[in-house]
Amino acid sequence: MSIKSGTIKGSCCCGGVRFELFEPPAMMGACHCSRCRKAGSGAYVYVRAEAFHWLAGRELLTRYRPKPPFRFTRAFCKRCGTSLGDPDAGRVLAIAASCLDDDPGVRMDFHEYAPDKAPWETICEEGASEMVGALDPKPPTTI
């Protein structure tokens, strides 16, 4: 969190997309499904929509909307391809933790689809309190 402003800043690689969070995320989780891995980000912070503010580059977003039964849309910067999560999802936003420029003040709370992780991946988070399996793939919907 920025000491001066009390906000957490975030951006894409090229700096065209920029945003800020007005409060710390409620939690952080990692998804190990093949879709999240292929999208380039599996670690997300969850924040209330009211705490998210665009600074620049919303027009640079492009989205991938999967076919059912999958439901999570992914947003990317058109210029550099940075995966941003789903910053327009509704009441609770899943923001790619890799886009945060400041320390969000939370650490890994859970892993979902852990049985589907890549064979080369090792889950070594001591702070993660829950391992959510493929049979319970739903991240929190309320904060």
N, C-alpha and C. Protein backbone atom coordinates (compact mmCIF):
# COMPACT_ATOMS: atom_id res chain seq x y z
N MET A 1 0.84 -1.17 0.00
CA MET A 1 0.00 0.00 0.00
C MET A 1 0.89 1.23 0.00
N SER A 2 0.55 2.17 -0.82
CA SER A 2 1.31 3.39 -0.89
C SER A 2 1.15 4.18 0.41
N ILE A 3 2.24 4.54 1.02
CA ILE A 3 2.20 5.25 2.30
C ILE A 3 1.55 6.63 2.13
N LYS A 4 1.84 7.28 1.01
CA LYS A 4 1.31 8.62 0.78
C LYS A 4 -0.20 8.63 0.61
N SER A 5 -0.70 7.79 -0.27
CA SER A 5 -2.11 7.89 -0.65
C SER A 5 -3.02 6.92 0.07
N GLY A 6 -2.50 5.86 0.68
CA GLY A 6 -3.34 4.86 1.30
C GLY A 6 -4.00 3.96 0.29
N THR A 7 -3.52 3.96 -0.94
CA THR A 7 -4.07 3.12 -1.99
C THR A 7 -3.04 2.11 -2.46
N ILE A 8 -3.54 1.08 -3.14
CA ILE A 8 -2.69 0.07 -3.75
C ILE A 8 -2.79 0.28 -5.26
N LYS A 9 -1.67 0.55 -5.89
CA LYS A 9 -1.65 0.79 -7.33
C LYS A 9 -1.42 -0.51 -8.09
N GLY A 10 -1.92 -0.54 -9.33
CA GLY A 10 -1.71 -1.67 -10.20
C GLY A 10 -1.61 -1.22 -11.64
N SER A 11 -0.97 -2.03 -12.50
CA SER A 11 -0.81 -1.66 -13.90
C SER A 11 -0.43 -2.88 -14.73
N CYS A 12 -0.47 -2.68 -16.05
CA CYS A 12 -0.01 -3.72 -16.97
C CYS A 12 1.47 -3.49 -17.27
N CYS A 13 2.07 -4.35 -18.08
CA CYS A 13 3.50 -4.24 -18.39
C CYS A 13 3.86 -2.95 -19.11
N CYS A 14 3.03 -2.52 -20.06
CA CYS A 14 3.36 -1.32 -20.83
C CYS A 14 2.94 -0.04 -20.12
N GLY A 15 2.19 -0.15 -19.02
CA GLY A 15 1.77 1.02 -18.26
C GLY A 15 0.53 1.70 -18.81
N GLY A 16 -0.02 1.18 -19.89
CA GLY A 16 -1.22 1.78 -20.48
C GLY A 16 -2.46 1.59 -19.63
N VAL A 17 -2.56 0.45 -18.97
CA VAL A 17 -3.69 0.17 -18.07
C VAL A 17 -3.21 0.40 -16.65
N ARG A 18 -3.90 1.30 -15.95
CA ARG A 18 -3.54 1.59 -14.56
C ARG A 18 -4.80 1.70 -13.71
N PHE A 19 -4.69 1.22 -12.48
CA PHE A 19 -5.83 1.25 -11.57
C PHE A 19 -5.32 1.38 -10.14
N GLU A 20 -6.25 1.59 -9.22
CA GLU A 20 -5.89 1.61 -7.81
C GLU A 20 -7.01 0.99 -7.00
N LEU A 21 -6.62 0.47 -5.85
CA LEU A 21 -7.54 -0.10 -4.88
C LEU A 21 -7.55 0.81 -3.67
N PHE A 22 -8.75 1.18 -3.21
CA PHE A 22 -8.87 2.09 -2.08
C PHE A 22 -8.85 1.39 -0.73
N GLU A 23 -8.84 0.07 -0.75
CA GLU A 23 -8.75 -0.69 0.50
C GLU A 23 -8.01 -1.99 0.19
N PRO A 24 -7.42 -2.60 1.20
CA PRO A 24 -6.73 -3.87 0.95
C PRO A 24 -7.72 -4.93 0.49
N PRO A 25 -7.28 -5.85 -0.35
CA PRO A 25 -8.15 -6.95 -0.76
C PRO A 25 -8.57 -7.77 0.46
N ALA A 26 -9.71 -8.42 0.34
CA ALA A 26 -10.21 -9.26 1.42
C ALA A 26 -9.40 -10.54 1.53
N MET A 27 -8.91 -11.02 0.38
CA MET A 27 -8.14 -12.27 0.39
C MET A 27 -7.38 -12.43 -0.91
N MET A 28 -6.50 -13.42 -0.91
CA MET A 28 -5.73 -13.78 -2.10
C MET A 28 -5.84 -15.30 -2.25
N GLY A 29 -6.02 -15.73 -3.50
CA GLY A 29 -6.09 -17.16 -3.78
C GLY A 29 -5.40 -17.48 -5.09
N ALA A 30 -5.06 -18.73 -5.26
CA ALA A 30 -4.41 -19.17 -6.49
C ALA A 30 -5.24 -20.26 -7.14
N CYS A 31 -5.44 -20.13 -8.43
CA CYS A 31 -6.14 -21.16 -9.20
C CYS A 31 -5.10 -21.91 -10.02
N HIS A 32 -5.17 -23.22 -9.99
CA HIS A 32 -4.20 -24.06 -10.69
C HIS A 32 -4.82 -24.77 -11.89
N CYS A 33 -6.01 -24.33 -12.32
CA CYS A 33 -6.63 -24.98 -13.49
C CYS A 33 -5.85 -24.59 -14.75
N SER A 34 -6.01 -25.39 -15.79
CA SER A 34 -5.26 -25.15 -17.02
C SER A 34 -5.64 -23.81 -17.65
N ARG A 35 -6.88 -23.38 -17.51
CA ARG A 35 -7.31 -22.11 -18.12
C ARG A 35 -6.60 -20.92 -17.47
N CYS A 36 -6.52 -20.91 -16.15
CA CYS A 36 -5.83 -19.80 -15.48
C CYS A 36 -4.34 -19.82 -15.79
N ARG A 37 -3.75 -21.00 -15.82
CA ARG A 37 -2.32 -21.09 -16.16
C ARG A 37 -2.08 -20.56 -17.56
N LYS A 38 -2.94 -20.92 -18.51
CA LYS A 38 -2.76 -20.47 -19.89
C LYS A 38 -3.04 -18.98 -20.06
N ALA A 39 -3.87 -18.43 -19.19
CA ALA A 39 -4.16 -16.99 -19.25
C ALA A 39 -3.00 -16.17 -18.70
N GLY A 40 -2.05 -16.82 -18.06
CA GLY A 40 -0.87 -16.12 -17.59
C GLY A 40 -0.93 -15.64 -16.16
N SER A 41 -1.98 -15.98 -15.46
CA SER A 41 -2.06 -15.59 -14.07
C SER A 41 -2.97 -16.52 -13.33
N GLY A 42 -2.51 -17.04 -12.22
CA GLY A 42 -3.32 -17.91 -11.41
C GLY A 42 -3.51 -17.38 -10.00
N ALA A 43 -2.80 -16.32 -9.63
CA ALA A 43 -2.94 -15.73 -8.30
C ALA A 43 -3.81 -14.47 -8.42
N TYR A 44 -4.86 -14.43 -7.62
CA TYR A 44 -5.80 -13.32 -7.69
C TYR A 44 -6.03 -12.75 -6.30
N VAL A 45 -6.29 -11.44 -6.25
CA VAL A 45 -6.77 -10.81 -5.04
C VAL A 45 -8.24 -10.48 -5.27
N TYR A 46 -9.01 -10.58 -4.21
CA TYR A 46 -10.45 -10.33 -4.30
C TYR A 46 -10.77 -9.05 -3.56
N VAL A 47 -11.42 -8.13 -4.28
CA VAL A 47 -11.70 -6.80 -3.73
C VAL A 47 -13.14 -6.39 -4.08
N ARG A 48 -13.73 -5.61 -3.21
CA ARG A 48 -15.07 -5.09 -3.49
C ARG A 48 -14.99 -4.12 -4.67
N ALA A 49 -16.00 -4.14 -5.53
CA ALA A 49 -16.02 -3.27 -6.71
C ALA A 49 -15.91 -1.79 -6.30
N GLU A 50 -16.50 -1.44 -5.18
CA GLU A 50 -16.45 -0.04 -4.72
C GLU A 50 -15.04 0.42 -4.38
N ALA A 51 -14.15 -0.52 -4.13
CA ALA A 51 -12.78 -0.18 -3.75
C ALA A 51 -11.84 -0.12 -4.95
N PHE A 52 -12.35 -0.38 -6.16
CA PHE A 52 -11.54 -0.41 -7.38
C PHE A 52 -11.80 0.85 -8.18
N HIS A 53 -10.73 1.47 -8.71
CA HIS A 53 -10.88 2.69 -9.51
C HIS A 53 -9.91 2.66 -10.70
N TRP A 54 -10.44 2.91 -11.89
CA TRP A 54 -9.59 3.00 -13.09
C TRP A 54 -8.86 4.34 -13.09
N LEU A 55 -7.58 4.31 -13.38
CA LEU A 55 -6.80 5.54 -13.55
C LEU A 55 -6.59 5.82 -15.03
N ALA A 56 -6.36 4.79 -15.82
CA ALA A 56 -6.13 4.96 -17.26
C ALA A 56 -6.22 3.62 -17.96
N GLY A 57 -6.53 3.66 -19.25
CA GLY A 57 -6.42 2.49 -20.10
C GLY A 57 -7.57 1.51 -20.14
N ARG A 58 -8.70 1.87 -19.60
CA ARG A 58 -9.83 0.92 -19.66
C ARG A 58 -10.16 0.56 -21.10
N GLU A 59 -9.97 1.51 -21.99
CA GLU A 59 -10.23 1.27 -23.42
C GLU A 59 -9.21 0.31 -24.05
N LEU A 60 -8.12 0.04 -23.37
CA LEU A 60 -7.10 -0.88 -23.87
C LEU A 60 -7.41 -2.34 -23.52
N LEU A 61 -8.47 -2.57 -22.77
CA LEU A 61 -8.81 -3.94 -22.38
C LEU A 61 -9.47 -4.70 -23.51
N THR A 62 -9.11 -5.94 -23.62
CA THR A 62 -9.83 -6.88 -24.46
C THR A 62 -10.16 -8.07 -23.57
N ARG A 63 -11.23 -8.78 -23.92
CA ARG A 63 -11.68 -9.85 -23.03
C ARG A 63 -11.80 -11.17 -23.76
N TYR A 64 -11.56 -12.21 -23.00
CA TYR A 64 -11.80 -13.57 -23.47
C TYR A 64 -12.97 -14.11 -22.66
N ARG A 65 -14.07 -14.42 -23.35
CA ARG A 65 -15.25 -14.99 -22.70
C ARG A 65 -15.35 -16.45 -23.12
N PRO A 66 -15.20 -17.35 -22.18
CA PRO A 66 -15.23 -18.78 -22.53
C PRO A 66 -16.64 -19.28 -22.80
N LYS A 67 -16.70 -20.39 -23.48
CA LYS A 67 -17.98 -21.04 -23.73
C LYS A 67 -18.39 -21.81 -22.47
N PRO A 68 -19.71 -21.92 -22.22
CA PRO A 68 -20.17 -22.72 -21.08
C PRO A 68 -19.65 -24.14 -21.19
N PRO A 69 -19.36 -24.76 -20.07
CA PRO A 69 -19.79 -24.43 -18.72
C PRO A 69 -18.87 -23.46 -18.00
N PHE A 70 -17.78 -23.04 -18.63
CA PHE A 70 -16.86 -22.10 -17.98
C PHE A 70 -17.51 -20.73 -17.92
N ARG A 71 -17.19 -19.97 -16.86
CA ARG A 71 -17.91 -18.71 -16.70
C ARG A 71 -17.03 -17.49 -16.43
N PHE A 72 -15.78 -17.68 -16.13
CA PHE A 72 -14.96 -16.53 -15.77
C PHE A 72 -14.33 -15.88 -16.99
N THR A 73 -14.66 -14.61 -17.19
CA THR A 73 -14.10 -13.80 -18.26
C THR A 73 -12.71 -13.34 -17.83
N ARG A 74 -11.80 -13.23 -18.76
CA ARG A 74 -10.45 -12.74 -18.48
C ARG A 74 -10.20 -11.48 -19.31
N ALA A 75 -9.63 -10.48 -18.69
CA ALA A 75 -9.30 -9.23 -19.37
C ALA A 75 -7.79 -9.15 -19.56
N PHE A 76 -7.39 -8.60 -20.70
CA PHE A 76 -5.99 -8.46 -21.07
C PHE A 76 -5.76 -7.08 -21.65
N CYS A 77 -4.55 -6.55 -21.51
CA CYS A 77 -4.18 -5.30 -22.18
C CYS A 77 -3.95 -5.61 -23.66
N LYS A 78 -4.57 -4.85 -24.54
CA LYS A 78 -4.43 -5.05 -25.99
C LYS A 78 -3.00 -4.81 -26.46
N ARG A 79 -2.28 -3.91 -25.80
CA ARG A 79 -0.93 -3.58 -26.24
C ARG A 79 0.11 -4.61 -25.83
N CYS A 80 0.11 -4.99 -24.54
CA CYS A 80 1.20 -5.84 -24.04
C CYS A 80 0.76 -7.24 -23.66
N GLY A 81 -0.54 -7.50 -23.59
CA GLY A 81 -1.03 -8.83 -23.29
C GLY A 81 -1.10 -9.20 -21.82
N THR A 82 -0.82 -8.26 -20.93
CA THR A 82 -0.87 -8.55 -19.51
C THR A 82 -2.26 -9.02 -19.11
N SER A 83 -2.32 -10.14 -18.40
CA SER A 83 -3.57 -10.65 -17.87
C SER A 83 -3.92 -9.87 -16.62
N LEU A 84 -5.15 -9.33 -16.57
CA LEU A 84 -5.57 -8.47 -15.47
C LEU A 84 -6.61 -9.10 -14.57
N GLY A 85 -7.05 -10.30 -14.87
CA GLY A 85 -8.13 -10.92 -14.10
C GLY A 85 -9.45 -10.52 -14.71
N ASP A 86 -10.42 -10.18 -13.86
CA ASP A 86 -11.74 -9.74 -14.34
C ASP A 86 -12.15 -8.50 -13.57
N PRO A 87 -11.63 -7.33 -13.97
CA PRO A 87 -11.87 -6.11 -13.21
C PRO A 87 -13.26 -5.51 -13.36
N ASP A 88 -14.13 -6.13 -14.14
CA ASP A 88 -15.50 -5.63 -14.30
C ASP A 88 -16.52 -6.71 -13.98
N ALA A 89 -16.20 -7.59 -13.04
CA ALA A 89 -17.00 -8.78 -12.80
C ALA A 89 -18.31 -8.55 -12.05
N GLY A 90 -18.43 -7.51 -11.30
CA GLY A 90 -19.63 -7.31 -10.49
C GLY A 90 -19.28 -6.78 -9.12
N ARG A 91 -19.88 -7.35 -8.09
CA ARG A 91 -19.68 -6.86 -6.72
C ARG A 91 -18.32 -7.19 -6.16
N VAL A 92 -17.79 -8.36 -6.51
CA VAL A 92 -16.47 -8.79 -6.04
C VAL A 92 -15.60 -9.01 -7.27
N LEU A 93 -14.46 -8.35 -7.30
CA LEU A 93 -13.57 -8.43 -8.46
C LEU A 93 -12.37 -9.32 -8.17
N ALA A 94 -12.03 -10.13 -9.15
CA ALA A 94 -10.82 -10.96 -9.08
C ALA A 94 -9.75 -10.26 -9.91
N ILE A 95 -8.78 -9.68 -9.26
CA ILE A 95 -7.71 -8.93 -9.92
C ILE A 95 -6.44 -9.76 -9.88
N ALA A 96 -5.78 -9.88 -11.03
CA ALA A 96 -4.53 -10.65 -11.08
C ALA A 96 -3.51 -10.01 -10.14
N ALA A 97 -3.05 -10.78 -9.17
CA ALA A 97 -2.09 -10.27 -8.18
C ALA A 97 -0.80 -9.82 -8.84
N SER A 98 -0.47 -10.41 -9.97
CA SER A 98 0.77 -10.06 -10.67
C SER A 98 0.75 -8.63 -11.21
N CYS A 99 -0.42 -8.00 -11.27
CA CYS A 99 -0.54 -6.62 -11.77
C CYS A 99 -0.37 -5.57 -10.68
N LEU A 100 -0.32 -6.01 -9.44
CA LEU A 100 -0.22 -5.03 -8.35
C LEU A 100 1.20 -4.49 -8.24
N ASP A 101 1.29 -3.18 -8.19
CA ASP A 101 2.59 -2.52 -8.06
C ASP A 101 3.01 -2.36 -6.60
N ASP A 102 2.03 -2.41 -5.71
CA ASP A 102 2.27 -2.26 -4.28
C ASP A 102 1.90 -3.55 -3.56
N ASP A 103 2.43 -3.71 -2.37
CA ASP A 103 2.10 -4.86 -1.53
C ASP A 103 0.62 -4.76 -1.14
N PRO A 104 -0.18 -5.78 -1.45
CA PRO A 104 -1.61 -5.69 -1.13
C PRO A 104 -1.92 -5.89 0.35
N GLY A 105 -0.95 -6.35 1.12
CA GLY A 105 -1.17 -6.54 2.54
C GLY A 105 -1.84 -7.85 2.90
N VAL A 106 -2.13 -8.68 1.92
CA VAL A 106 -2.70 -10.02 2.17
C VAL A 106 -1.75 -11.04 1.56
N ARG A 107 -1.87 -12.26 2.04
CA ARG A 107 -1.07 -13.35 1.50
C ARG A 107 -2.00 -14.48 1.10
N MET A 108 -1.48 -15.49 0.49
CA MET A 108 -2.26 -16.58 -0.07
C MET A 108 -3.15 -17.22 1.00
N ASP A 109 -4.45 -17.23 0.72
CA ASP A 109 -5.43 -17.83 1.63
C ASP A 109 -5.86 -19.21 1.19
N PHE A 110 -5.90 -19.45 -0.11
CA PHE A 110 -6.38 -20.75 -0.60
C PHE A 110 -5.82 -21.05 -1.97
N HIS A 111 -5.88 -22.32 -2.32
CA HIS A 111 -5.52 -22.82 -3.64
C HIS A 111 -6.73 -23.58 -4.17
N GLU A 112 -7.18 -23.24 -5.38
CA GLU A 112 -8.28 -23.99 -5.97
C GLU A 112 -7.77 -24.77 -7.17
N TYR A 113 -8.43 -25.85 -7.46
CA TYR A 113 -8.03 -26.78 -8.52
C TYR A 113 -6.59 -27.27 -8.30
N ALA A 114 -6.20 -27.38 -7.06
CA ALA A 114 -4.85 -27.84 -6.74
C ALA A 114 -4.54 -29.20 -7.37
N PRO A 115 -5.49 -30.15 -7.45
CA PRO A 115 -5.17 -31.43 -8.09
C PRO A 115 -4.87 -31.29 -9.59
N ASP A 116 -5.27 -30.16 -10.19
CA ASP A 116 -5.05 -29.94 -11.61
C ASP A 116 -3.79 -29.14 -11.92
N LYS A 117 -2.99 -28.88 -10.91
CA LYS A 117 -1.77 -28.08 -11.14
C LYS A 117 -0.87 -28.77 -12.16
N ALA A 118 0.00 -27.98 -12.77
CA ALA A 118 0.96 -28.53 -13.73
C ALA A 118 1.90 -29.48 -13.00
N PRO A 119 2.37 -30.52 -13.68
CA PRO A 119 3.25 -31.49 -13.03
C PRO A 119 4.55 -30.87 -12.50
N TRP A 120 4.99 -29.79 -13.11
CA TRP A 120 6.24 -29.15 -12.69
C TRP A 120 6.04 -28.17 -11.55
N GLU A 121 4.78 -27.89 -11.19
CA GLU A 121 4.49 -26.89 -10.18
C GLU A 121 4.47 -27.50 -8.78
N THR A 122 5.08 -26.79 -7.84
CA THR A 122 5.06 -27.19 -6.44
C THR A 122 4.33 -26.12 -5.65
N ILE A 123 3.33 -26.53 -4.90
CA ILE A 123 2.61 -25.60 -4.05
C ILE A 123 3.33 -25.57 -2.71
N CYS A 124 3.91 -24.44 -2.37
CA CYS A 124 4.72 -24.37 -1.15
C CYS A 124 4.32 -23.22 -0.26
N GLU A 125 3.10 -22.77 -0.37
CA GLU A 125 2.63 -21.65 0.44
C GLU A 125 2.32 -22.12 1.86
N GLU A 126 3.09 -21.71 2.81
CA GLU A 126 2.82 -22.06 4.20
C GLU A 126 1.60 -21.35 4.72
N GLY A 127 1.33 -20.14 4.21
CA GLY A 127 0.22 -19.35 4.72
C GLY A 127 -1.13 -19.74 4.18
N ALA A 128 -1.19 -20.55 3.14
CA ALA A 128 -2.48 -20.92 2.57
C ALA A 128 -3.24 -21.80 3.54
N SER A 129 -4.42 -21.36 3.91
CA SER A 129 -5.18 -22.08 4.92
C SER A 129 -6.08 -23.16 4.34
N GLU A 130 -6.31 -23.14 3.04
CA GLU A 130 -7.26 -24.08 2.47
C GLU A 130 -6.81 -24.53 1.09
N MET A 131 -6.96 -25.81 0.83
CA MET A 131 -6.70 -26.37 -0.49
C MET A 131 -8.05 -26.78 -1.03
N VAL A 132 -8.54 -26.07 -2.03
CA VAL A 132 -9.85 -26.34 -2.60
C VAL A 132 -9.66 -27.23 -3.81
N GLY A 133 -10.32 -28.36 -3.84
CA GLY A 133 -10.17 -29.31 -4.94
C GLY A 133 -11.06 -28.98 -6.12
N ALA A 134 -10.92 -29.76 -7.17
CA ALA A 134 -11.68 -29.56 -8.40
C ALA A 134 -13.17 -29.73 -8.19
N LEU A 135 -13.58 -30.42 -7.13
CA LEU A 135 -15.01 -30.60 -6.89
C LEU A 135 -15.64 -29.38 -6.22
N ASP A 136 -14.83 -28.45 -5.75
CA ASP A 136 -15.33 -27.25 -5.11
C ASP A 136 -14.59 -26.04 -5.68
N PRO A 137 -14.82 -25.74 -6.99
CA PRO A 137 -14.00 -24.75 -7.66
C PRO A 137 -14.44 -23.29 -7.51
N LYS A 138 -15.40 -23.00 -6.66
CA LYS A 138 -15.95 -21.66 -6.63
C LYS A 138 -15.20 -20.77 -5.66
N PRO A 139 -14.63 -19.66 -6.18
CA PRO A 139 -14.03 -18.69 -5.28
C PRO A 139 -15.13 -17.95 -4.53
N PRO A 140 -14.80 -17.22 -3.50
CA PRO A 140 -15.82 -16.53 -2.72
C PRO A 140 -16.61 -15.55 -3.57
N THR A 141 -17.90 -15.41 -3.29
CA THR A 141 -18.74 -14.48 -4.03
C THR A 141 -19.10 -13.27 -3.20
N THR A 142 -18.83 -13.32 -1.91
CA THR A 142 -19.08 -12.16 -1.06
C THR A 142 -17.87 -11.91 -0.18
N ILE A 143 -17.74 -10.68 0.20
CA ILE A 143 -16.64 -10.28 1.08
C ILE A 143 -17.22 -9.67 2.33
